[in-house]
Amino acid sequence: MAGWYEVSQASDGQYRFVLKAGNGEVILTSELYKTKASAQNGIESVQKNSPEDNRYERLEAKNGKPYFNLKAANHQIIGTSQFYSSEQSRDKGIESVKNNGSSTTIKDLIT
């Protein structure tokens, strides 16, 4: 099963999206956006930039856990991964975003 996006609204009224893999696991979480349209633009940016390896910033958190950011052509962060147990797991997460990022399935969770 292919991945999909879910758009939701935070308790403060801002919007975010997550990209989920086919198994339902969250593989990328966006920043908060002031409008739903901005969140949808963020999804379009993931769809465009996720196939390109040079858009991924491979990082290590203060606790030593590997993670990554997906960046747009203007170097702004589009989304951030979870923390992984190893660099190998992080790299598999990047491959999952590359494989699922082009999905056009968007689930609107805003009521």
N, C-alpha and C. Protein backbone atom coordinates (compact mmCIF):
# COMPACT_ATOMS: atom_id res chain seq x y z
N MET A 1 0.84 -1.19 0.00
CA MET A 1 0.00 0.00 0.00
C MET A 1 0.88 1.25 0.00
N ALA A 2 0.49 2.22 -0.77
CA ALA A 2 1.24 3.46 -0.85
C ALA A 2 0.98 4.34 0.36
N GLY A 3 1.87 5.27 0.58
CA GLY A 3 1.72 6.20 1.70
C GLY A 3 0.69 7.27 1.41
N TRP A 4 0.48 8.13 2.40
CA TRP A 4 -0.49 9.22 2.28
C TRP A 4 -0.13 10.33 3.25
N TYR A 5 -0.77 11.47 3.04
CA TYR A 5 -0.63 12.63 3.90
C TYR A 5 -1.88 12.77 4.76
N GLU A 6 -1.69 13.27 5.96
CA GLU A 6 -2.80 13.64 6.83
C GLU A 6 -2.60 15.08 7.27
N VAL A 7 -3.64 15.90 7.08
CA VAL A 7 -3.61 17.30 7.50
C VAL A 7 -4.47 17.42 8.75
N SER A 8 -3.92 18.07 9.77
CA SER A 8 -4.67 18.24 11.02
C SER A 8 -4.45 19.65 11.57
N GLN A 9 -5.24 19.97 12.58
CA GLN A 9 -5.16 21.29 13.19
C GLN A 9 -4.71 21.12 14.64
N ALA A 10 -3.73 21.90 15.05
CA ALA A 10 -3.24 21.85 16.42
C ALA A 10 -4.20 22.61 17.35
N SER A 11 -4.01 22.41 18.63
CA SER A 11 -4.90 23.04 19.61
C SER A 11 -4.85 24.57 19.56
N ASP A 12 -3.75 25.13 19.04
CA ASP A 12 -3.64 26.58 18.93
C ASP A 12 -4.19 27.12 17.62
N GLY A 13 -4.81 26.25 16.81
CA GLY A 13 -5.43 26.68 15.57
C GLY A 13 -4.53 26.61 14.35
N GLN A 14 -3.25 26.28 14.53
CA GLN A 14 -2.35 26.16 13.40
C GLN A 14 -2.50 24.78 12.76
N TYR A 15 -1.93 24.64 11.58
CA TYR A 15 -2.10 23.42 10.79
C TYR A 15 -0.75 22.72 10.61
N ARG A 16 -0.82 21.40 10.46
CA ARG A 16 0.38 20.61 10.17
C ARG A 16 -0.04 19.44 9.31
N PHE A 17 0.96 18.81 8.71
CA PHE A 17 0.70 17.57 8.01
C PHE A 17 1.76 16.56 8.41
N VAL A 18 1.40 15.30 8.26
CA VAL A 18 2.35 14.21 8.40
C VAL A 18 2.28 13.38 7.13
N LEU A 19 3.40 12.77 6.81
CA LEU A 19 3.45 11.79 5.73
C LEU A 19 3.56 10.43 6.38
N LYS A 20 2.66 9.55 6.01
CA LYS A 20 2.66 8.20 6.56
C LYS A 20 3.05 7.19 5.49
N ALA A 21 3.81 6.18 5.90
CA ALA A 21 4.15 5.08 5.01
C ALA A 21 2.93 4.19 4.84
N GLY A 22 3.00 3.26 3.92
CA GLY A 22 1.90 2.35 3.65
C GLY A 22 1.44 1.56 4.87
N ASN A 23 2.35 1.36 5.85
CA ASN A 23 1.99 0.62 7.06
C ASN A 23 1.39 1.52 8.14
N GLY A 24 1.20 2.82 7.81
CA GLY A 24 0.58 3.75 8.75
C GLY A 24 1.56 4.46 9.68
N GLU A 25 2.85 4.16 9.55
CA GLU A 25 3.85 4.80 10.41
C GLU A 25 4.17 6.20 9.90
N VAL A 26 4.24 7.16 10.82
CA VAL A 26 4.60 8.54 10.46
C VAL A 26 6.08 8.57 10.09
N ILE A 27 6.38 9.08 8.90
CA ILE A 27 7.77 9.13 8.45
C ILE A 27 8.28 10.56 8.27
N LEU A 28 7.37 11.55 8.29
CA LEU A 28 7.77 12.95 8.17
C LEU A 28 6.69 13.82 8.80
N THR A 29 7.08 14.80 9.60
CA THR A 29 6.15 15.71 10.24
C THR A 29 6.51 17.14 9.85
N SER A 30 5.51 17.91 9.47
CA SER A 30 5.77 19.29 9.03
C SER A 30 5.92 20.23 10.22
N GLU A 31 6.33 21.43 9.90
CA GLU A 31 6.30 22.54 10.84
C GLU A 31 4.83 22.95 10.98
N LEU A 32 4.54 23.88 11.87
CA LEU A 32 3.19 24.41 12.00
C LEU A 32 2.98 25.56 11.01
N TYR A 33 1.80 25.60 10.42
CA TYR A 33 1.44 26.63 9.45
C TYR A 33 0.24 27.42 9.97
N LYS A 34 0.19 28.69 9.62
CA LYS A 34 -0.92 29.54 10.06
C LYS A 34 -2.21 29.24 9.31
N THR A 35 -2.11 28.76 8.07
CA THR A 35 -3.31 28.48 7.28
C THR A 35 -3.26 27.06 6.71
N LYS A 36 -4.43 26.54 6.43
CA LYS A 36 -4.53 25.22 5.83
C LYS A 36 -3.90 25.23 4.43
N ALA A 37 -4.09 26.33 3.71
CA ALA A 37 -3.52 26.44 2.36
C ALA A 37 -1.99 26.36 2.42
N SER A 38 -1.40 26.94 3.44
CA SER A 38 0.06 26.87 3.58
C SER A 38 0.51 25.44 3.84
N ALA A 39 -0.26 24.71 4.65
CA ALA A 39 0.06 23.30 4.89
C ALA A 39 -0.04 22.51 3.59
N GLN A 40 -1.05 22.80 2.78
CA GLN A 40 -1.20 22.12 1.50
C GLN A 40 -0.04 22.47 0.56
N ASN A 41 0.44 23.70 0.61
CA ASN A 41 1.62 24.07 -0.16
C ASN A 41 2.85 23.29 0.31
N GLY A 42 2.92 23.05 1.63
CA GLY A 42 4.01 22.25 2.18
C GLY A 42 3.98 20.83 1.64
N ILE A 43 2.80 20.26 1.52
CA ILE A 43 2.66 18.91 0.95
C ILE A 43 3.17 18.91 -0.50
N GLU A 44 2.77 19.93 -1.25
CA GLU A 44 3.23 20.03 -2.64
C GLU A 44 4.76 20.12 -2.70
N SER A 45 5.35 20.80 -1.74
CA SER A 45 6.80 20.92 -1.69
C SER A 45 7.46 19.57 -1.39
N VAL A 46 6.85 18.78 -0.50
CA VAL A 46 7.37 17.43 -0.23
C VAL A 46 7.26 16.59 -1.49
N GLN A 47 6.11 16.65 -2.16
CA GLN A 47 5.92 15.87 -3.39
C GLN A 47 7.01 16.21 -4.41
N LYS A 48 7.39 17.47 -4.50
CA LYS A 48 8.37 17.93 -5.47
C LYS A 48 9.80 17.59 -5.04
N ASN A 49 10.13 17.78 -3.76
CA ASN A 49 11.51 17.69 -3.30
C ASN A 49 11.92 16.33 -2.75
N SER A 50 10.97 15.50 -2.35
CA SER A 50 11.32 14.23 -1.68
C SER A 50 12.15 13.27 -2.54
N PRO A 51 12.02 13.24 -3.87
CA PRO A 51 12.86 12.31 -4.63
C PRO A 51 14.35 12.68 -4.68
N GLU A 52 14.69 13.92 -4.34
CA GLU A 52 16.06 14.41 -4.53
C GLU A 52 16.89 14.22 -3.26
N ASP A 53 17.94 13.38 -3.36
CA ASP A 53 18.75 13.06 -2.19
C ASP A 53 19.40 14.29 -1.56
N ASN A 54 19.76 15.28 -2.38
CA ASN A 54 20.45 16.46 -1.83
C ASN A 54 19.52 17.37 -1.03
N ARG A 55 18.24 17.06 -0.96
CA ARG A 55 17.29 17.84 -0.16
C ARG A 55 17.23 17.34 1.29
N TYR A 56 17.92 16.24 1.59
CA TYR A 56 17.87 15.66 2.94
C TYR A 56 19.09 16.10 3.75
N GLU A 57 18.81 16.62 4.92
CA GLU A 57 19.87 17.01 5.84
C GLU A 57 19.92 15.94 6.94
N ARG A 58 21.03 15.19 6.95
CA ARG A 58 21.20 14.10 7.91
C ARG A 58 21.85 14.65 9.16
N LEU A 59 21.17 14.50 10.29
CA LEU A 59 21.59 15.15 11.53
C LEU A 59 21.64 14.16 12.69
N GLU A 60 22.18 14.66 13.82
CA GLU A 60 22.18 13.88 15.05
C GLU A 60 21.69 14.79 16.17
N ALA A 61 20.72 14.32 16.94
CA ALA A 61 20.18 15.09 18.05
C ALA A 61 21.17 15.15 19.20
N LYS A 62 20.92 16.01 20.17
CA LYS A 62 21.80 16.15 21.34
C LYS A 62 21.92 14.84 22.10
N ASN A 63 20.87 14.00 22.02
CA ASN A 63 20.92 12.71 22.72
C ASN A 63 21.61 11.62 21.88
N GLY A 64 22.19 12.01 20.75
CA GLY A 64 22.92 11.08 19.91
C GLY A 64 22.08 10.32 18.90
N LYS A 65 20.77 10.57 18.87
CA LYS A 65 19.88 9.85 17.95
C LYS A 65 19.90 10.50 16.57
N PRO A 66 20.08 9.71 15.51
CA PRO A 66 20.04 10.25 14.15
C PRO A 66 18.61 10.64 13.74
N TYR A 67 18.50 11.68 12.93
CA TYR A 67 17.23 12.08 12.33
C TYR A 67 17.55 12.87 11.07
N PHE A 68 16.51 13.30 10.36
CA PHE A 68 16.74 14.09 9.15
C PHE A 68 15.68 15.15 8.98
N ASN A 69 16.07 16.18 8.23
CA ASN A 69 15.14 17.20 7.76
C ASN A 69 15.07 17.10 6.25
N LEU A 70 13.88 17.34 5.70
CA LEU A 70 13.71 17.50 4.26
C LEU A 70 13.60 18.99 4.01
N LYS A 71 14.44 19.49 3.10
CA LYS A 71 14.46 20.92 2.82
C LYS A 71 14.03 21.21 1.39
N ALA A 72 13.44 22.38 1.21
CA ALA A 72 13.05 22.85 -0.12
C ALA A 72 14.27 23.44 -0.81
N ALA A 73 14.12 23.82 -2.07
CA ALA A 73 15.21 24.42 -2.85
C ALA A 73 15.73 25.70 -2.19
N ASN A 74 14.86 26.40 -1.45
CA ASN A 74 15.27 27.64 -0.77
C ASN A 74 15.90 27.37 0.60
N HIS A 75 16.14 26.09 0.90
CA HIS A 75 16.80 25.63 2.13
C HIS A 75 15.92 25.71 3.37
N GLN A 76 14.63 26.00 3.21
CA GLN A 76 13.73 25.98 4.35
C GLN A 76 13.31 24.55 4.64
N ILE A 77 13.16 24.24 5.94
CA ILE A 77 12.76 22.90 6.34
C ILE A 77 11.28 22.70 6.01
N ILE A 78 11.00 21.63 5.30
CA ILE A 78 9.61 21.26 4.97
C ILE A 78 9.08 20.30 6.03
N GLY A 79 9.92 19.36 6.43
CA GLY A 79 9.49 18.36 7.40
C GLY A 79 10.68 17.74 8.11
N THR A 80 10.38 17.12 9.26
CA THR A 80 11.40 16.50 10.11
C THR A 80 10.98 15.08 10.43
N SER A 81 11.96 14.21 10.53
CA SER A 81 11.68 12.81 10.87
C SER A 81 11.62 12.61 12.37
N GLN A 82 11.30 11.40 12.75
CA GLN A 82 11.42 10.97 14.14
C GLN A 82 12.90 10.77 14.45
N PHE A 83 13.21 10.44 15.70
CA PHE A 83 14.57 10.04 16.05
C PHE A 83 14.70 8.54 15.80
N TYR A 84 15.84 8.14 15.26
CA TYR A 84 16.09 6.75 14.93
C TYR A 84 17.16 6.16 15.86
N SER A 85 17.20 4.85 15.91
CA SER A 85 18.16 4.16 16.78
C SER A 85 19.54 4.06 16.14
N SER A 86 19.62 4.21 14.81
CA SER A 86 20.91 4.10 14.13
C SER A 86 20.86 4.91 12.84
N GLU A 87 22.05 5.20 12.30
CA GLU A 87 22.12 5.90 11.03
C GLU A 87 21.50 5.06 9.92
N GLN A 88 21.66 3.75 10.00
CA GLN A 88 21.07 2.85 9.01
C GLN A 88 19.54 2.96 9.02
N SER A 89 18.95 3.01 10.21
CA SER A 89 17.49 3.17 10.31
C SER A 89 17.05 4.52 9.76
N ARG A 90 17.84 5.56 10.05
CA ARG A 90 17.52 6.89 9.51
C ARG A 90 17.55 6.87 7.99
N ASP A 91 18.56 6.22 7.42
CA ASP A 91 18.67 6.17 5.97
C ASP A 91 17.50 5.40 5.35
N LYS A 92 17.00 4.38 6.05
CA LYS A 92 15.80 3.68 5.58
C LYS A 92 14.58 4.61 5.64
N GLY A 93 14.54 5.47 6.66
CA GLY A 93 13.46 6.46 6.76
C GLY A 93 13.49 7.42 5.59
N ILE A 94 14.68 7.85 5.21
CA ILE A 94 14.82 8.74 4.04
C ILE A 94 14.32 8.03 2.78
N GLU A 95 14.69 6.78 2.61
CA GLU A 95 14.22 6.01 1.45
C GLU A 95 12.70 5.90 1.45
N SER A 96 12.12 5.74 2.64
CA SER A 96 10.67 5.65 2.73
C SER A 96 10.01 6.96 2.31
N VAL A 97 10.58 8.09 2.73
CA VAL A 97 10.04 9.39 2.30
C VAL A 97 10.20 9.54 0.79
N LYS A 98 11.34 9.13 0.25
CA LYS A 98 11.53 9.20 -1.20
C LYS A 98 10.46 8.37 -1.92
N ASN A 99 10.15 7.20 -1.39
CA ASN A 99 9.19 6.29 -2.03
C ASN A 99 7.74 6.74 -1.85
N ASN A 100 7.42 7.38 -0.72
CA ASN A 100 6.03 7.73 -0.42
C ASN A 100 5.71 9.21 -0.61
N GLY A 101 6.73 10.04 -0.75
CA GLY A 101 6.51 11.49 -0.82
C GLY A 101 5.72 11.95 -2.01
N SER A 102 5.74 11.19 -3.09
CA SER A 102 5.01 11.61 -4.29
C SER A 102 3.52 11.29 -4.22
N SER A 103 3.09 10.69 -3.13
CA SER A 103 1.67 10.32 -2.98
C SER A 103 0.77 11.55 -3.17
N THR A 104 -0.36 11.32 -3.82
CA THR A 104 -1.35 12.38 -3.97
C THR A 104 -2.55 12.18 -3.07
N THR A 105 -2.49 11.15 -2.22
CA THR A 105 -3.57 10.88 -1.28
C THR A 105 -3.41 11.77 -0.05
N ILE A 106 -4.41 12.63 0.18
CA ILE A 106 -4.38 13.55 1.31
C ILE A 106 -5.66 13.36 2.11
N LYS A 107 -5.49 12.99 3.39
CA LYS A 107 -6.63 12.81 4.28
C LYS A 107 -6.75 14.04 5.16
N ASP A 108 -7.90 14.67 5.10
CA ASP A 108 -8.16 15.88 5.87
C ASP A 108 -8.78 15.47 7.20
N LEU A 109 -8.04 15.65 8.31
CA LEU A 109 -8.54 15.25 9.62
C LEU A 109 -9.17 16.40 10.38
N ILE A 110 -9.35 17.54 9.72
CA ILE A 110 -9.92 18.72 10.36
C ILE A 110 -11.43 18.61 10.34
N THR A 111 -12.02 18.76 11.53
CA THR A 111 -13.48 18.62 11.62
C THR A 111 -14.16 19.97 11.64
